[in-house]
Amino acid sequence: MQKALDDVTEIFIKVMRKFEASAKTRLQQCHVAHADSLEGLVGQFGDILQILQDEGIPERRRLAIIRESLGDDPRSALVRCNEHIAYAGNFDLPFMLTSPGFCCQ
């Protein structure tokens, strides 16, 4: 009985290590796939900071110019920010039990 429990434990550990390795790989793929989006968000943020610091722009016009720099739908930028925050770092747990084609969406 003890040998059987040891074997089951060893199999469980091997399976979990495979899940972990696969999850880390998928997390890295997700980071690579969304690198362009992150660069775009950083660019937009830089534009907004530039607008805020520009002394030549009247205070009343700044908000309108910031909205223009965000494009037609500022909510999409917020969604992309939240997606990045959710998958930033090395938190690979969401990728452990997902289908192989899964990436942060």
N, C-alpha and C. Protein backbone atom coordinates (compact mmCIF):
# COMPACT_ATOMS: atom_id res chain seq x y z
N MET A 1 0.83 -1.19 0.00
CA MET A 1 0.00 0.00 0.00
C MET A 1 0.87 1.26 0.00
N GLN A 2 1.93 1.24 0.81
CA GLN A 2 2.83 2.39 0.89
C GLN A 2 3.50 2.64 -0.45
N LYS A 3 3.92 1.59 -1.13
CA LYS A 3 4.56 1.71 -2.44
C LYS A 3 3.59 2.32 -3.44
N ALA A 4 2.33 1.90 -3.41
CA ALA A 4 1.33 2.43 -4.33
C ALA A 4 1.12 3.93 -4.08
N LEU A 5 1.04 4.34 -2.81
CA LEU A 5 0.89 5.75 -2.47
C LEU A 5 2.09 6.57 -2.93
N ASP A 6 3.28 6.01 -2.73
CA ASP A 6 4.50 6.70 -3.20
C ASP A 6 4.48 6.87 -4.72
N ASP A 7 4.05 5.83 -5.43
CA ASP A 7 3.99 5.90 -6.90
C ASP A 7 2.97 6.95 -7.36
N VAL A 8 1.80 6.98 -6.71
CA VAL A 8 0.77 7.95 -7.07
C VAL A 8 1.28 9.37 -6.79
N THR A 9 1.96 9.55 -5.67
CA THR A 9 2.50 10.86 -5.33
C THR A 9 3.55 11.30 -6.35
N GLU A 10 4.40 10.37 -6.75
CA GLU A 10 5.43 10.69 -7.74
C GLU A 10 4.81 11.05 -9.08
N ILE A 11 3.78 10.33 -9.49
CA ILE A 11 3.09 10.64 -10.75
C ILE A 11 2.44 12.01 -10.66
N PHE A 12 1.80 12.30 -9.53
CA PHE A 12 1.15 13.60 -9.34
C PHE A 12 2.16 14.73 -9.44
N ILE A 13 3.31 14.56 -8.82
CA ILE A 13 4.35 15.60 -8.85
C ILE A 13 4.83 15.81 -10.28
N LYS A 14 5.04 14.74 -11.03
CA LYS A 14 5.48 14.87 -12.42
C LYS A 14 4.44 15.58 -13.28
N VAL A 15 3.17 15.24 -13.09
CA VAL A 15 2.11 15.89 -13.86
C VAL A 15 2.04 17.37 -13.53
N MET A 16 2.14 17.72 -12.26
CA MET A 16 2.08 19.12 -11.85
C MET A 16 3.28 19.90 -12.39
N ARG A 17 4.44 19.29 -12.44
CA ARG A 17 5.61 19.96 -13.02
C ARG A 17 5.41 20.23 -14.51
N LYS A 18 4.78 19.28 -15.21
CA LYS A 18 4.49 19.50 -16.63
C LYS A 18 3.49 20.64 -16.80
N PHE A 19 2.45 20.67 -15.96
CA PHE A 19 1.49 21.77 -16.00
C PHE A 19 2.18 23.11 -15.76
N GLU A 20 3.06 23.13 -14.78
CA GLU A 20 3.76 24.37 -14.43
C GLU A 20 4.65 24.84 -15.58
N ALA A 21 5.40 23.92 -16.17
CA ALA A 21 6.28 24.28 -17.29
C ALA A 21 5.46 24.78 -18.47
N SER A 22 4.35 24.11 -18.75
CA SER A 22 3.49 24.53 -19.85
C SER A 22 2.88 25.90 -19.57
N ALA A 23 2.47 26.14 -18.33
CA ALA A 23 1.87 27.43 -17.96
C ALA A 23 2.90 28.56 -18.10
N LYS A 24 4.12 28.31 -17.69
CA LYS A 24 5.16 29.34 -17.81
C LYS A 24 5.43 29.66 -19.28
N THR A 25 5.44 28.64 -20.11
CA THR A 25 5.66 28.84 -21.54
C THR A 25 4.53 29.67 -22.13
N ARG A 26 3.28 29.34 -21.78
CA ARG A 26 2.14 30.09 -22.31
C ARG A 26 2.12 31.53 -21.80
N LEU A 27 2.53 31.74 -20.56
CA LEU A 27 2.60 33.11 -20.03
C LEU A 27 3.63 33.92 -20.81
N GLN A 28 4.79 33.32 -21.09
CA GLN A 28 5.81 34.02 -21.88
C GLN A 28 5.29 34.32 -23.29
N GLN A 29 4.58 33.38 -23.89
CA GLN A 29 4.01 33.60 -25.22
C GLN A 29 3.00 34.75 -25.18
N CYS A 30 2.23 34.81 -24.12
CA CYS A 30 1.26 35.89 -23.96
C CYS A 30 1.96 37.24 -23.86
N HIS A 31 3.04 37.29 -23.07
CA HIS A 31 3.80 38.54 -22.94
C HIS A 31 4.36 38.98 -24.29
N VAL A 32 4.88 38.05 -25.05
CA VAL A 32 5.44 38.38 -26.37
C VAL A 32 4.33 38.84 -27.32
N ALA A 33 3.20 38.13 -27.28
CA ALA A 33 2.10 38.46 -28.19
C ALA A 33 1.52 39.84 -27.93
N HIS A 34 1.61 40.31 -26.70
CA HIS A 34 1.01 41.59 -26.35
C HIS A 34 2.03 42.70 -26.13
N ALA A 35 3.25 42.47 -26.55
CA ALA A 35 4.29 43.49 -26.38
C ALA A 35 3.97 44.75 -27.18
N ASP A 36 3.45 44.58 -28.40
CA ASP A 36 3.10 45.74 -29.23
C ASP A 36 2.00 46.57 -28.57
N SER A 37 1.02 45.89 -28.00
CA SER A 37 -0.07 46.59 -27.33
C SER A 37 0.46 47.38 -26.14
N LEU A 38 1.38 46.79 -25.40
CA LEU A 38 1.97 47.47 -24.25
C LEU A 38 2.75 48.70 -24.71
N GLU A 39 3.51 48.56 -25.79
CA GLU A 39 4.25 49.71 -26.31
C GLU A 39 3.30 50.83 -26.73
N GLY A 40 2.17 50.46 -27.33
CA GLY A 40 1.17 51.45 -27.72
C GLY A 40 0.59 52.18 -26.50
N LEU A 41 0.32 51.42 -25.44
CA LEU A 41 -0.21 52.04 -24.22
C LEU A 41 0.80 52.99 -23.59
N VAL A 42 2.05 52.59 -23.57
CA VAL A 42 3.09 53.45 -23.01
C VAL A 42 3.24 54.71 -23.86
N GLY A 43 3.13 54.54 -25.17
CA GLY A 43 3.18 55.71 -26.06
C GLY A 43 2.05 56.67 -25.80
N GLN A 44 0.83 56.13 -25.63
CA GLN A 44 -0.32 56.99 -25.31
C GLN A 44 -0.13 57.70 -23.98
N PHE A 45 0.37 56.98 -23.00
CA PHE A 45 0.61 57.59 -21.70
C PHE A 45 1.65 58.70 -21.79
N GLY A 46 2.70 58.46 -22.58
CA GLY A 46 3.71 59.50 -22.79
C GLY A 46 3.11 60.74 -23.45
N ASP A 47 2.23 60.52 -24.44
CA ASP A 47 1.56 61.64 -25.09
C ASP A 47 0.74 62.45 -24.09
N ILE A 48 0.01 61.76 -23.23
CA ILE A 48 -0.82 62.44 -22.23
C ILE A 48 0.05 63.24 -21.27
N LEU A 49 1.14 62.66 -20.83
CA LEU A 49 2.04 63.39 -19.92
C LEU A 49 2.61 64.63 -20.61
N GLN A 50 2.95 64.49 -21.89
CA GLN A 50 3.46 65.63 -22.65
C GLN A 50 2.42 66.74 -22.72
N ILE A 51 1.17 66.37 -22.99
CA ILE A 51 0.09 67.35 -23.06
C ILE A 51 -0.09 68.05 -21.71
N LEU A 52 -0.04 67.28 -20.64
CA LEU A 52 -0.22 67.86 -19.30
C LEU A 52 0.89 68.85 -18.95
N GLN A 53 2.08 68.62 -19.46
CA GLN A 53 3.22 69.49 -19.13
C GLN A 53 3.39 70.65 -20.10
N ASP A 54 2.66 70.64 -21.20
CA ASP A 54 2.81 71.68 -22.21
C ASP A 54 2.16 72.97 -21.72
N GLU A 55 2.99 73.95 -21.41
CA GLU A 55 2.50 75.24 -20.89
C GLU A 55 1.80 76.07 -21.97
N GLY A 56 2.02 75.72 -23.23
CA GLY A 56 1.41 76.47 -24.32
C GLY A 56 -0.05 76.11 -24.56
N ILE A 57 -0.52 75.05 -23.93
CA ILE A 57 -1.91 74.63 -24.10
C ILE A 57 -2.73 75.20 -22.94
N PRO A 58 -3.78 75.92 -23.26
CA PRO A 58 -4.63 76.45 -22.18
C PRO A 58 -5.24 75.31 -21.36
N GLU A 59 -5.41 75.56 -20.10
CA GLU A 59 -5.92 74.55 -19.17
C GLU A 59 -7.27 73.98 -19.65
N ARG A 60 -8.11 74.83 -20.17
CA ARG A 60 -9.44 74.38 -20.60
C ARG A 60 -9.38 73.47 -21.83
N ARG A 61 -8.34 73.55 -22.63
CA ARG A 61 -8.20 72.73 -23.85
C ARG A 61 -7.53 71.39 -23.60
N ARG A 62 -6.86 71.26 -22.49
CA ARG A 62 -6.06 70.04 -22.25
C ARG A 62 -6.89 68.77 -22.26
N LEU A 63 -8.03 68.77 -21.60
CA LEU A 63 -8.84 67.56 -21.54
C LEU A 63 -9.29 67.13 -22.94
N ALA A 64 -9.69 68.09 -23.76
CA ALA A 64 -10.11 67.77 -25.13
C ALA A 64 -8.94 67.18 -25.93
N ILE A 65 -7.76 67.74 -25.76
CA ILE A 65 -6.59 67.24 -26.49
C ILE A 65 -6.20 65.85 -25.99
N ILE A 66 -6.31 65.63 -24.68
CA ILE A 66 -6.03 64.29 -24.13
C ILE A 66 -7.01 63.28 -24.71
N ARG A 67 -8.28 63.63 -24.77
CA ARG A 67 -9.29 62.73 -25.37
C ARG A 67 -8.95 62.43 -26.82
N GLU A 68 -8.52 63.43 -27.57
CA GLU A 68 -8.13 63.22 -28.96
C GLU A 68 -6.95 62.26 -29.07
N SER A 69 -5.99 62.39 -28.17
CA SER A 69 -4.81 61.53 -28.23
C SER A 69 -5.14 60.08 -27.90
N LEU A 70 -6.23 59.86 -27.15
CA LEU A 70 -6.65 58.49 -26.81
C LEU A 70 -7.43 57.84 -27.95
N GLY A 71 -7.86 58.62 -28.92
CA GLY A 71 -8.60 58.06 -30.04
C GLY A 71 -10.09 58.04 -29.79
N ASP A 72 -10.78 57.26 -30.61
CA ASP A 72 -12.24 57.24 -30.58
C ASP A 72 -12.82 56.61 -29.31
N ASP A 73 -12.15 55.59 -28.77
CA ASP A 73 -12.71 54.86 -27.64
C ASP A 73 -11.69 54.72 -26.52
N PRO A 74 -11.69 55.64 -25.56
CA PRO A 74 -10.75 55.53 -24.45
C PRO A 74 -10.97 54.28 -23.61
N ARG A 75 -12.18 53.73 -23.66
CA ARG A 75 -12.45 52.50 -22.89
C ARG A 75 -11.60 51.34 -23.37
N SER A 76 -11.30 51.29 -24.66
CA SER A 76 -10.47 50.19 -25.16
C SER A 76 -9.06 50.28 -24.58
N ALA A 77 -8.55 51.50 -24.42
CA ALA A 77 -7.23 51.66 -23.80
C ALA A 77 -7.27 51.19 -22.35
N LEU A 78 -8.36 51.50 -21.66
CA LEU A 78 -8.49 51.06 -20.28
C LEU A 78 -8.58 49.53 -20.19
N VAL A 79 -9.30 48.93 -21.11
CA VAL A 79 -9.39 47.46 -21.14
C VAL A 79 -8.02 46.85 -21.37
N ARG A 80 -7.26 47.41 -22.31
CA ARG A 80 -5.90 46.89 -22.58
C ARG A 80 -5.00 47.07 -21.37
N CYS A 81 -5.14 48.18 -20.66
CA CYS A 81 -4.36 48.40 -19.43
C CYS A 81 -4.69 47.33 -18.39
N ASN A 82 -5.98 47.08 -18.21
CA ASN A 82 -6.40 46.09 -17.22
C ASN A 82 -5.94 44.69 -17.60
N GLU A 83 -5.94 44.37 -18.89
CA GLU A 83 -5.43 43.07 -19.34
C GLU A 83 -3.95 42.95 -19.02
N HIS A 84 -3.21 44.01 -19.30
CA HIS A 84 -1.78 43.96 -19.01
C HIS A 84 -1.53 43.78 -17.52
N ILE A 85 -2.25 44.51 -16.71
CA ILE A 85 -2.08 44.39 -15.26
C ILE A 85 -2.40 42.98 -14.78
N ALA A 86 -3.44 42.39 -15.35
CA ALA A 86 -3.85 41.04 -14.94
C ALA A 86 -2.79 39.99 -15.25
N TYR A 87 -2.05 40.19 -16.34
CA TYR A 87 -1.07 39.18 -16.74
C TYR A 87 0.37 39.66 -16.60
N ALA A 88 0.58 40.76 -15.90
CA ALA A 88 1.94 41.26 -15.68
C ALA A 88 2.65 40.37 -14.66
N GLY A 89 3.93 40.39 -14.69
CA GLY A 89 4.70 39.61 -13.73
C GLY A 89 4.79 38.15 -14.13
N ASN A 90 4.99 37.29 -13.16
CA ASN A 90 5.19 35.87 -13.44
C ASN A 90 4.07 35.01 -12.86
N PHE A 91 2.87 35.55 -12.80
CA PHE A 91 1.74 34.81 -12.26
C PHE A 91 1.18 33.92 -13.35
N ASP A 92 1.58 32.64 -13.33
CA ASP A 92 1.21 31.73 -14.40
C ASP A 92 0.05 30.80 -14.04
N LEU A 93 -0.52 30.95 -12.87
CA LEU A 93 -1.60 30.07 -12.44
C LEU A 93 -2.77 30.01 -13.41
N PRO A 94 -3.24 31.14 -13.99
CA PRO A 94 -4.36 31.05 -14.92
C PRO A 94 -4.07 30.20 -16.16
N PHE A 95 -2.81 29.97 -16.46
CA PHE A 95 -2.43 29.23 -17.66
C PHE A 95 -2.25 27.74 -17.39
N MET A 96 -2.38 27.31 -16.15
CA MET A 96 -2.10 25.91 -15.83
C MET A 96 -3.12 24.94 -16.40
N LEU A 97 -4.38 25.26 -16.33
CA LEU A 97 -5.40 24.30 -16.75
C LEU A 97 -6.22 24.83 -17.92
N THR A 98 -5.57 25.52 -18.82
CA THR A 98 -6.27 26.07 -19.97
C THR A 98 -5.88 25.31 -21.22
N SER A 99 -6.63 25.53 -22.26
CA SER A 99 -6.32 24.87 -23.52
C SER A 99 -5.00 25.40 -24.07
N PRO A 100 -4.28 24.61 -24.86
CA PRO A 100 -2.97 25.02 -25.36
C PRO A 100 -2.97 26.32 -26.16
N GLY A 101 -4.08 26.67 -26.82
CA GLY A 101 -4.11 27.90 -27.61
C GLY A 101 -4.45 29.13 -26.80
N PHE A 102 -4.68 28.98 -25.52
CA PHE A 102 -5.12 30.09 -24.69
C PHE A 102 -4.01 31.11 -24.51
N CYS A 103 -4.38 32.34 -24.62
CA CYS A 103 -3.50 33.47 -24.28
C CYS A 103 -4.38 34.51 -23.66
N CYS A 104 -3.76 35.42 -22.92
CA CYS A 104 -4.57 36.45 -22.30
C CYS A 104 -5.37 37.15 -23.38
N GLN A 105 -6.63 37.34 -23.14
CA GLN A 105 -7.52 37.88 -24.17
C GLN A 105 -7.97 39.25 -23.81
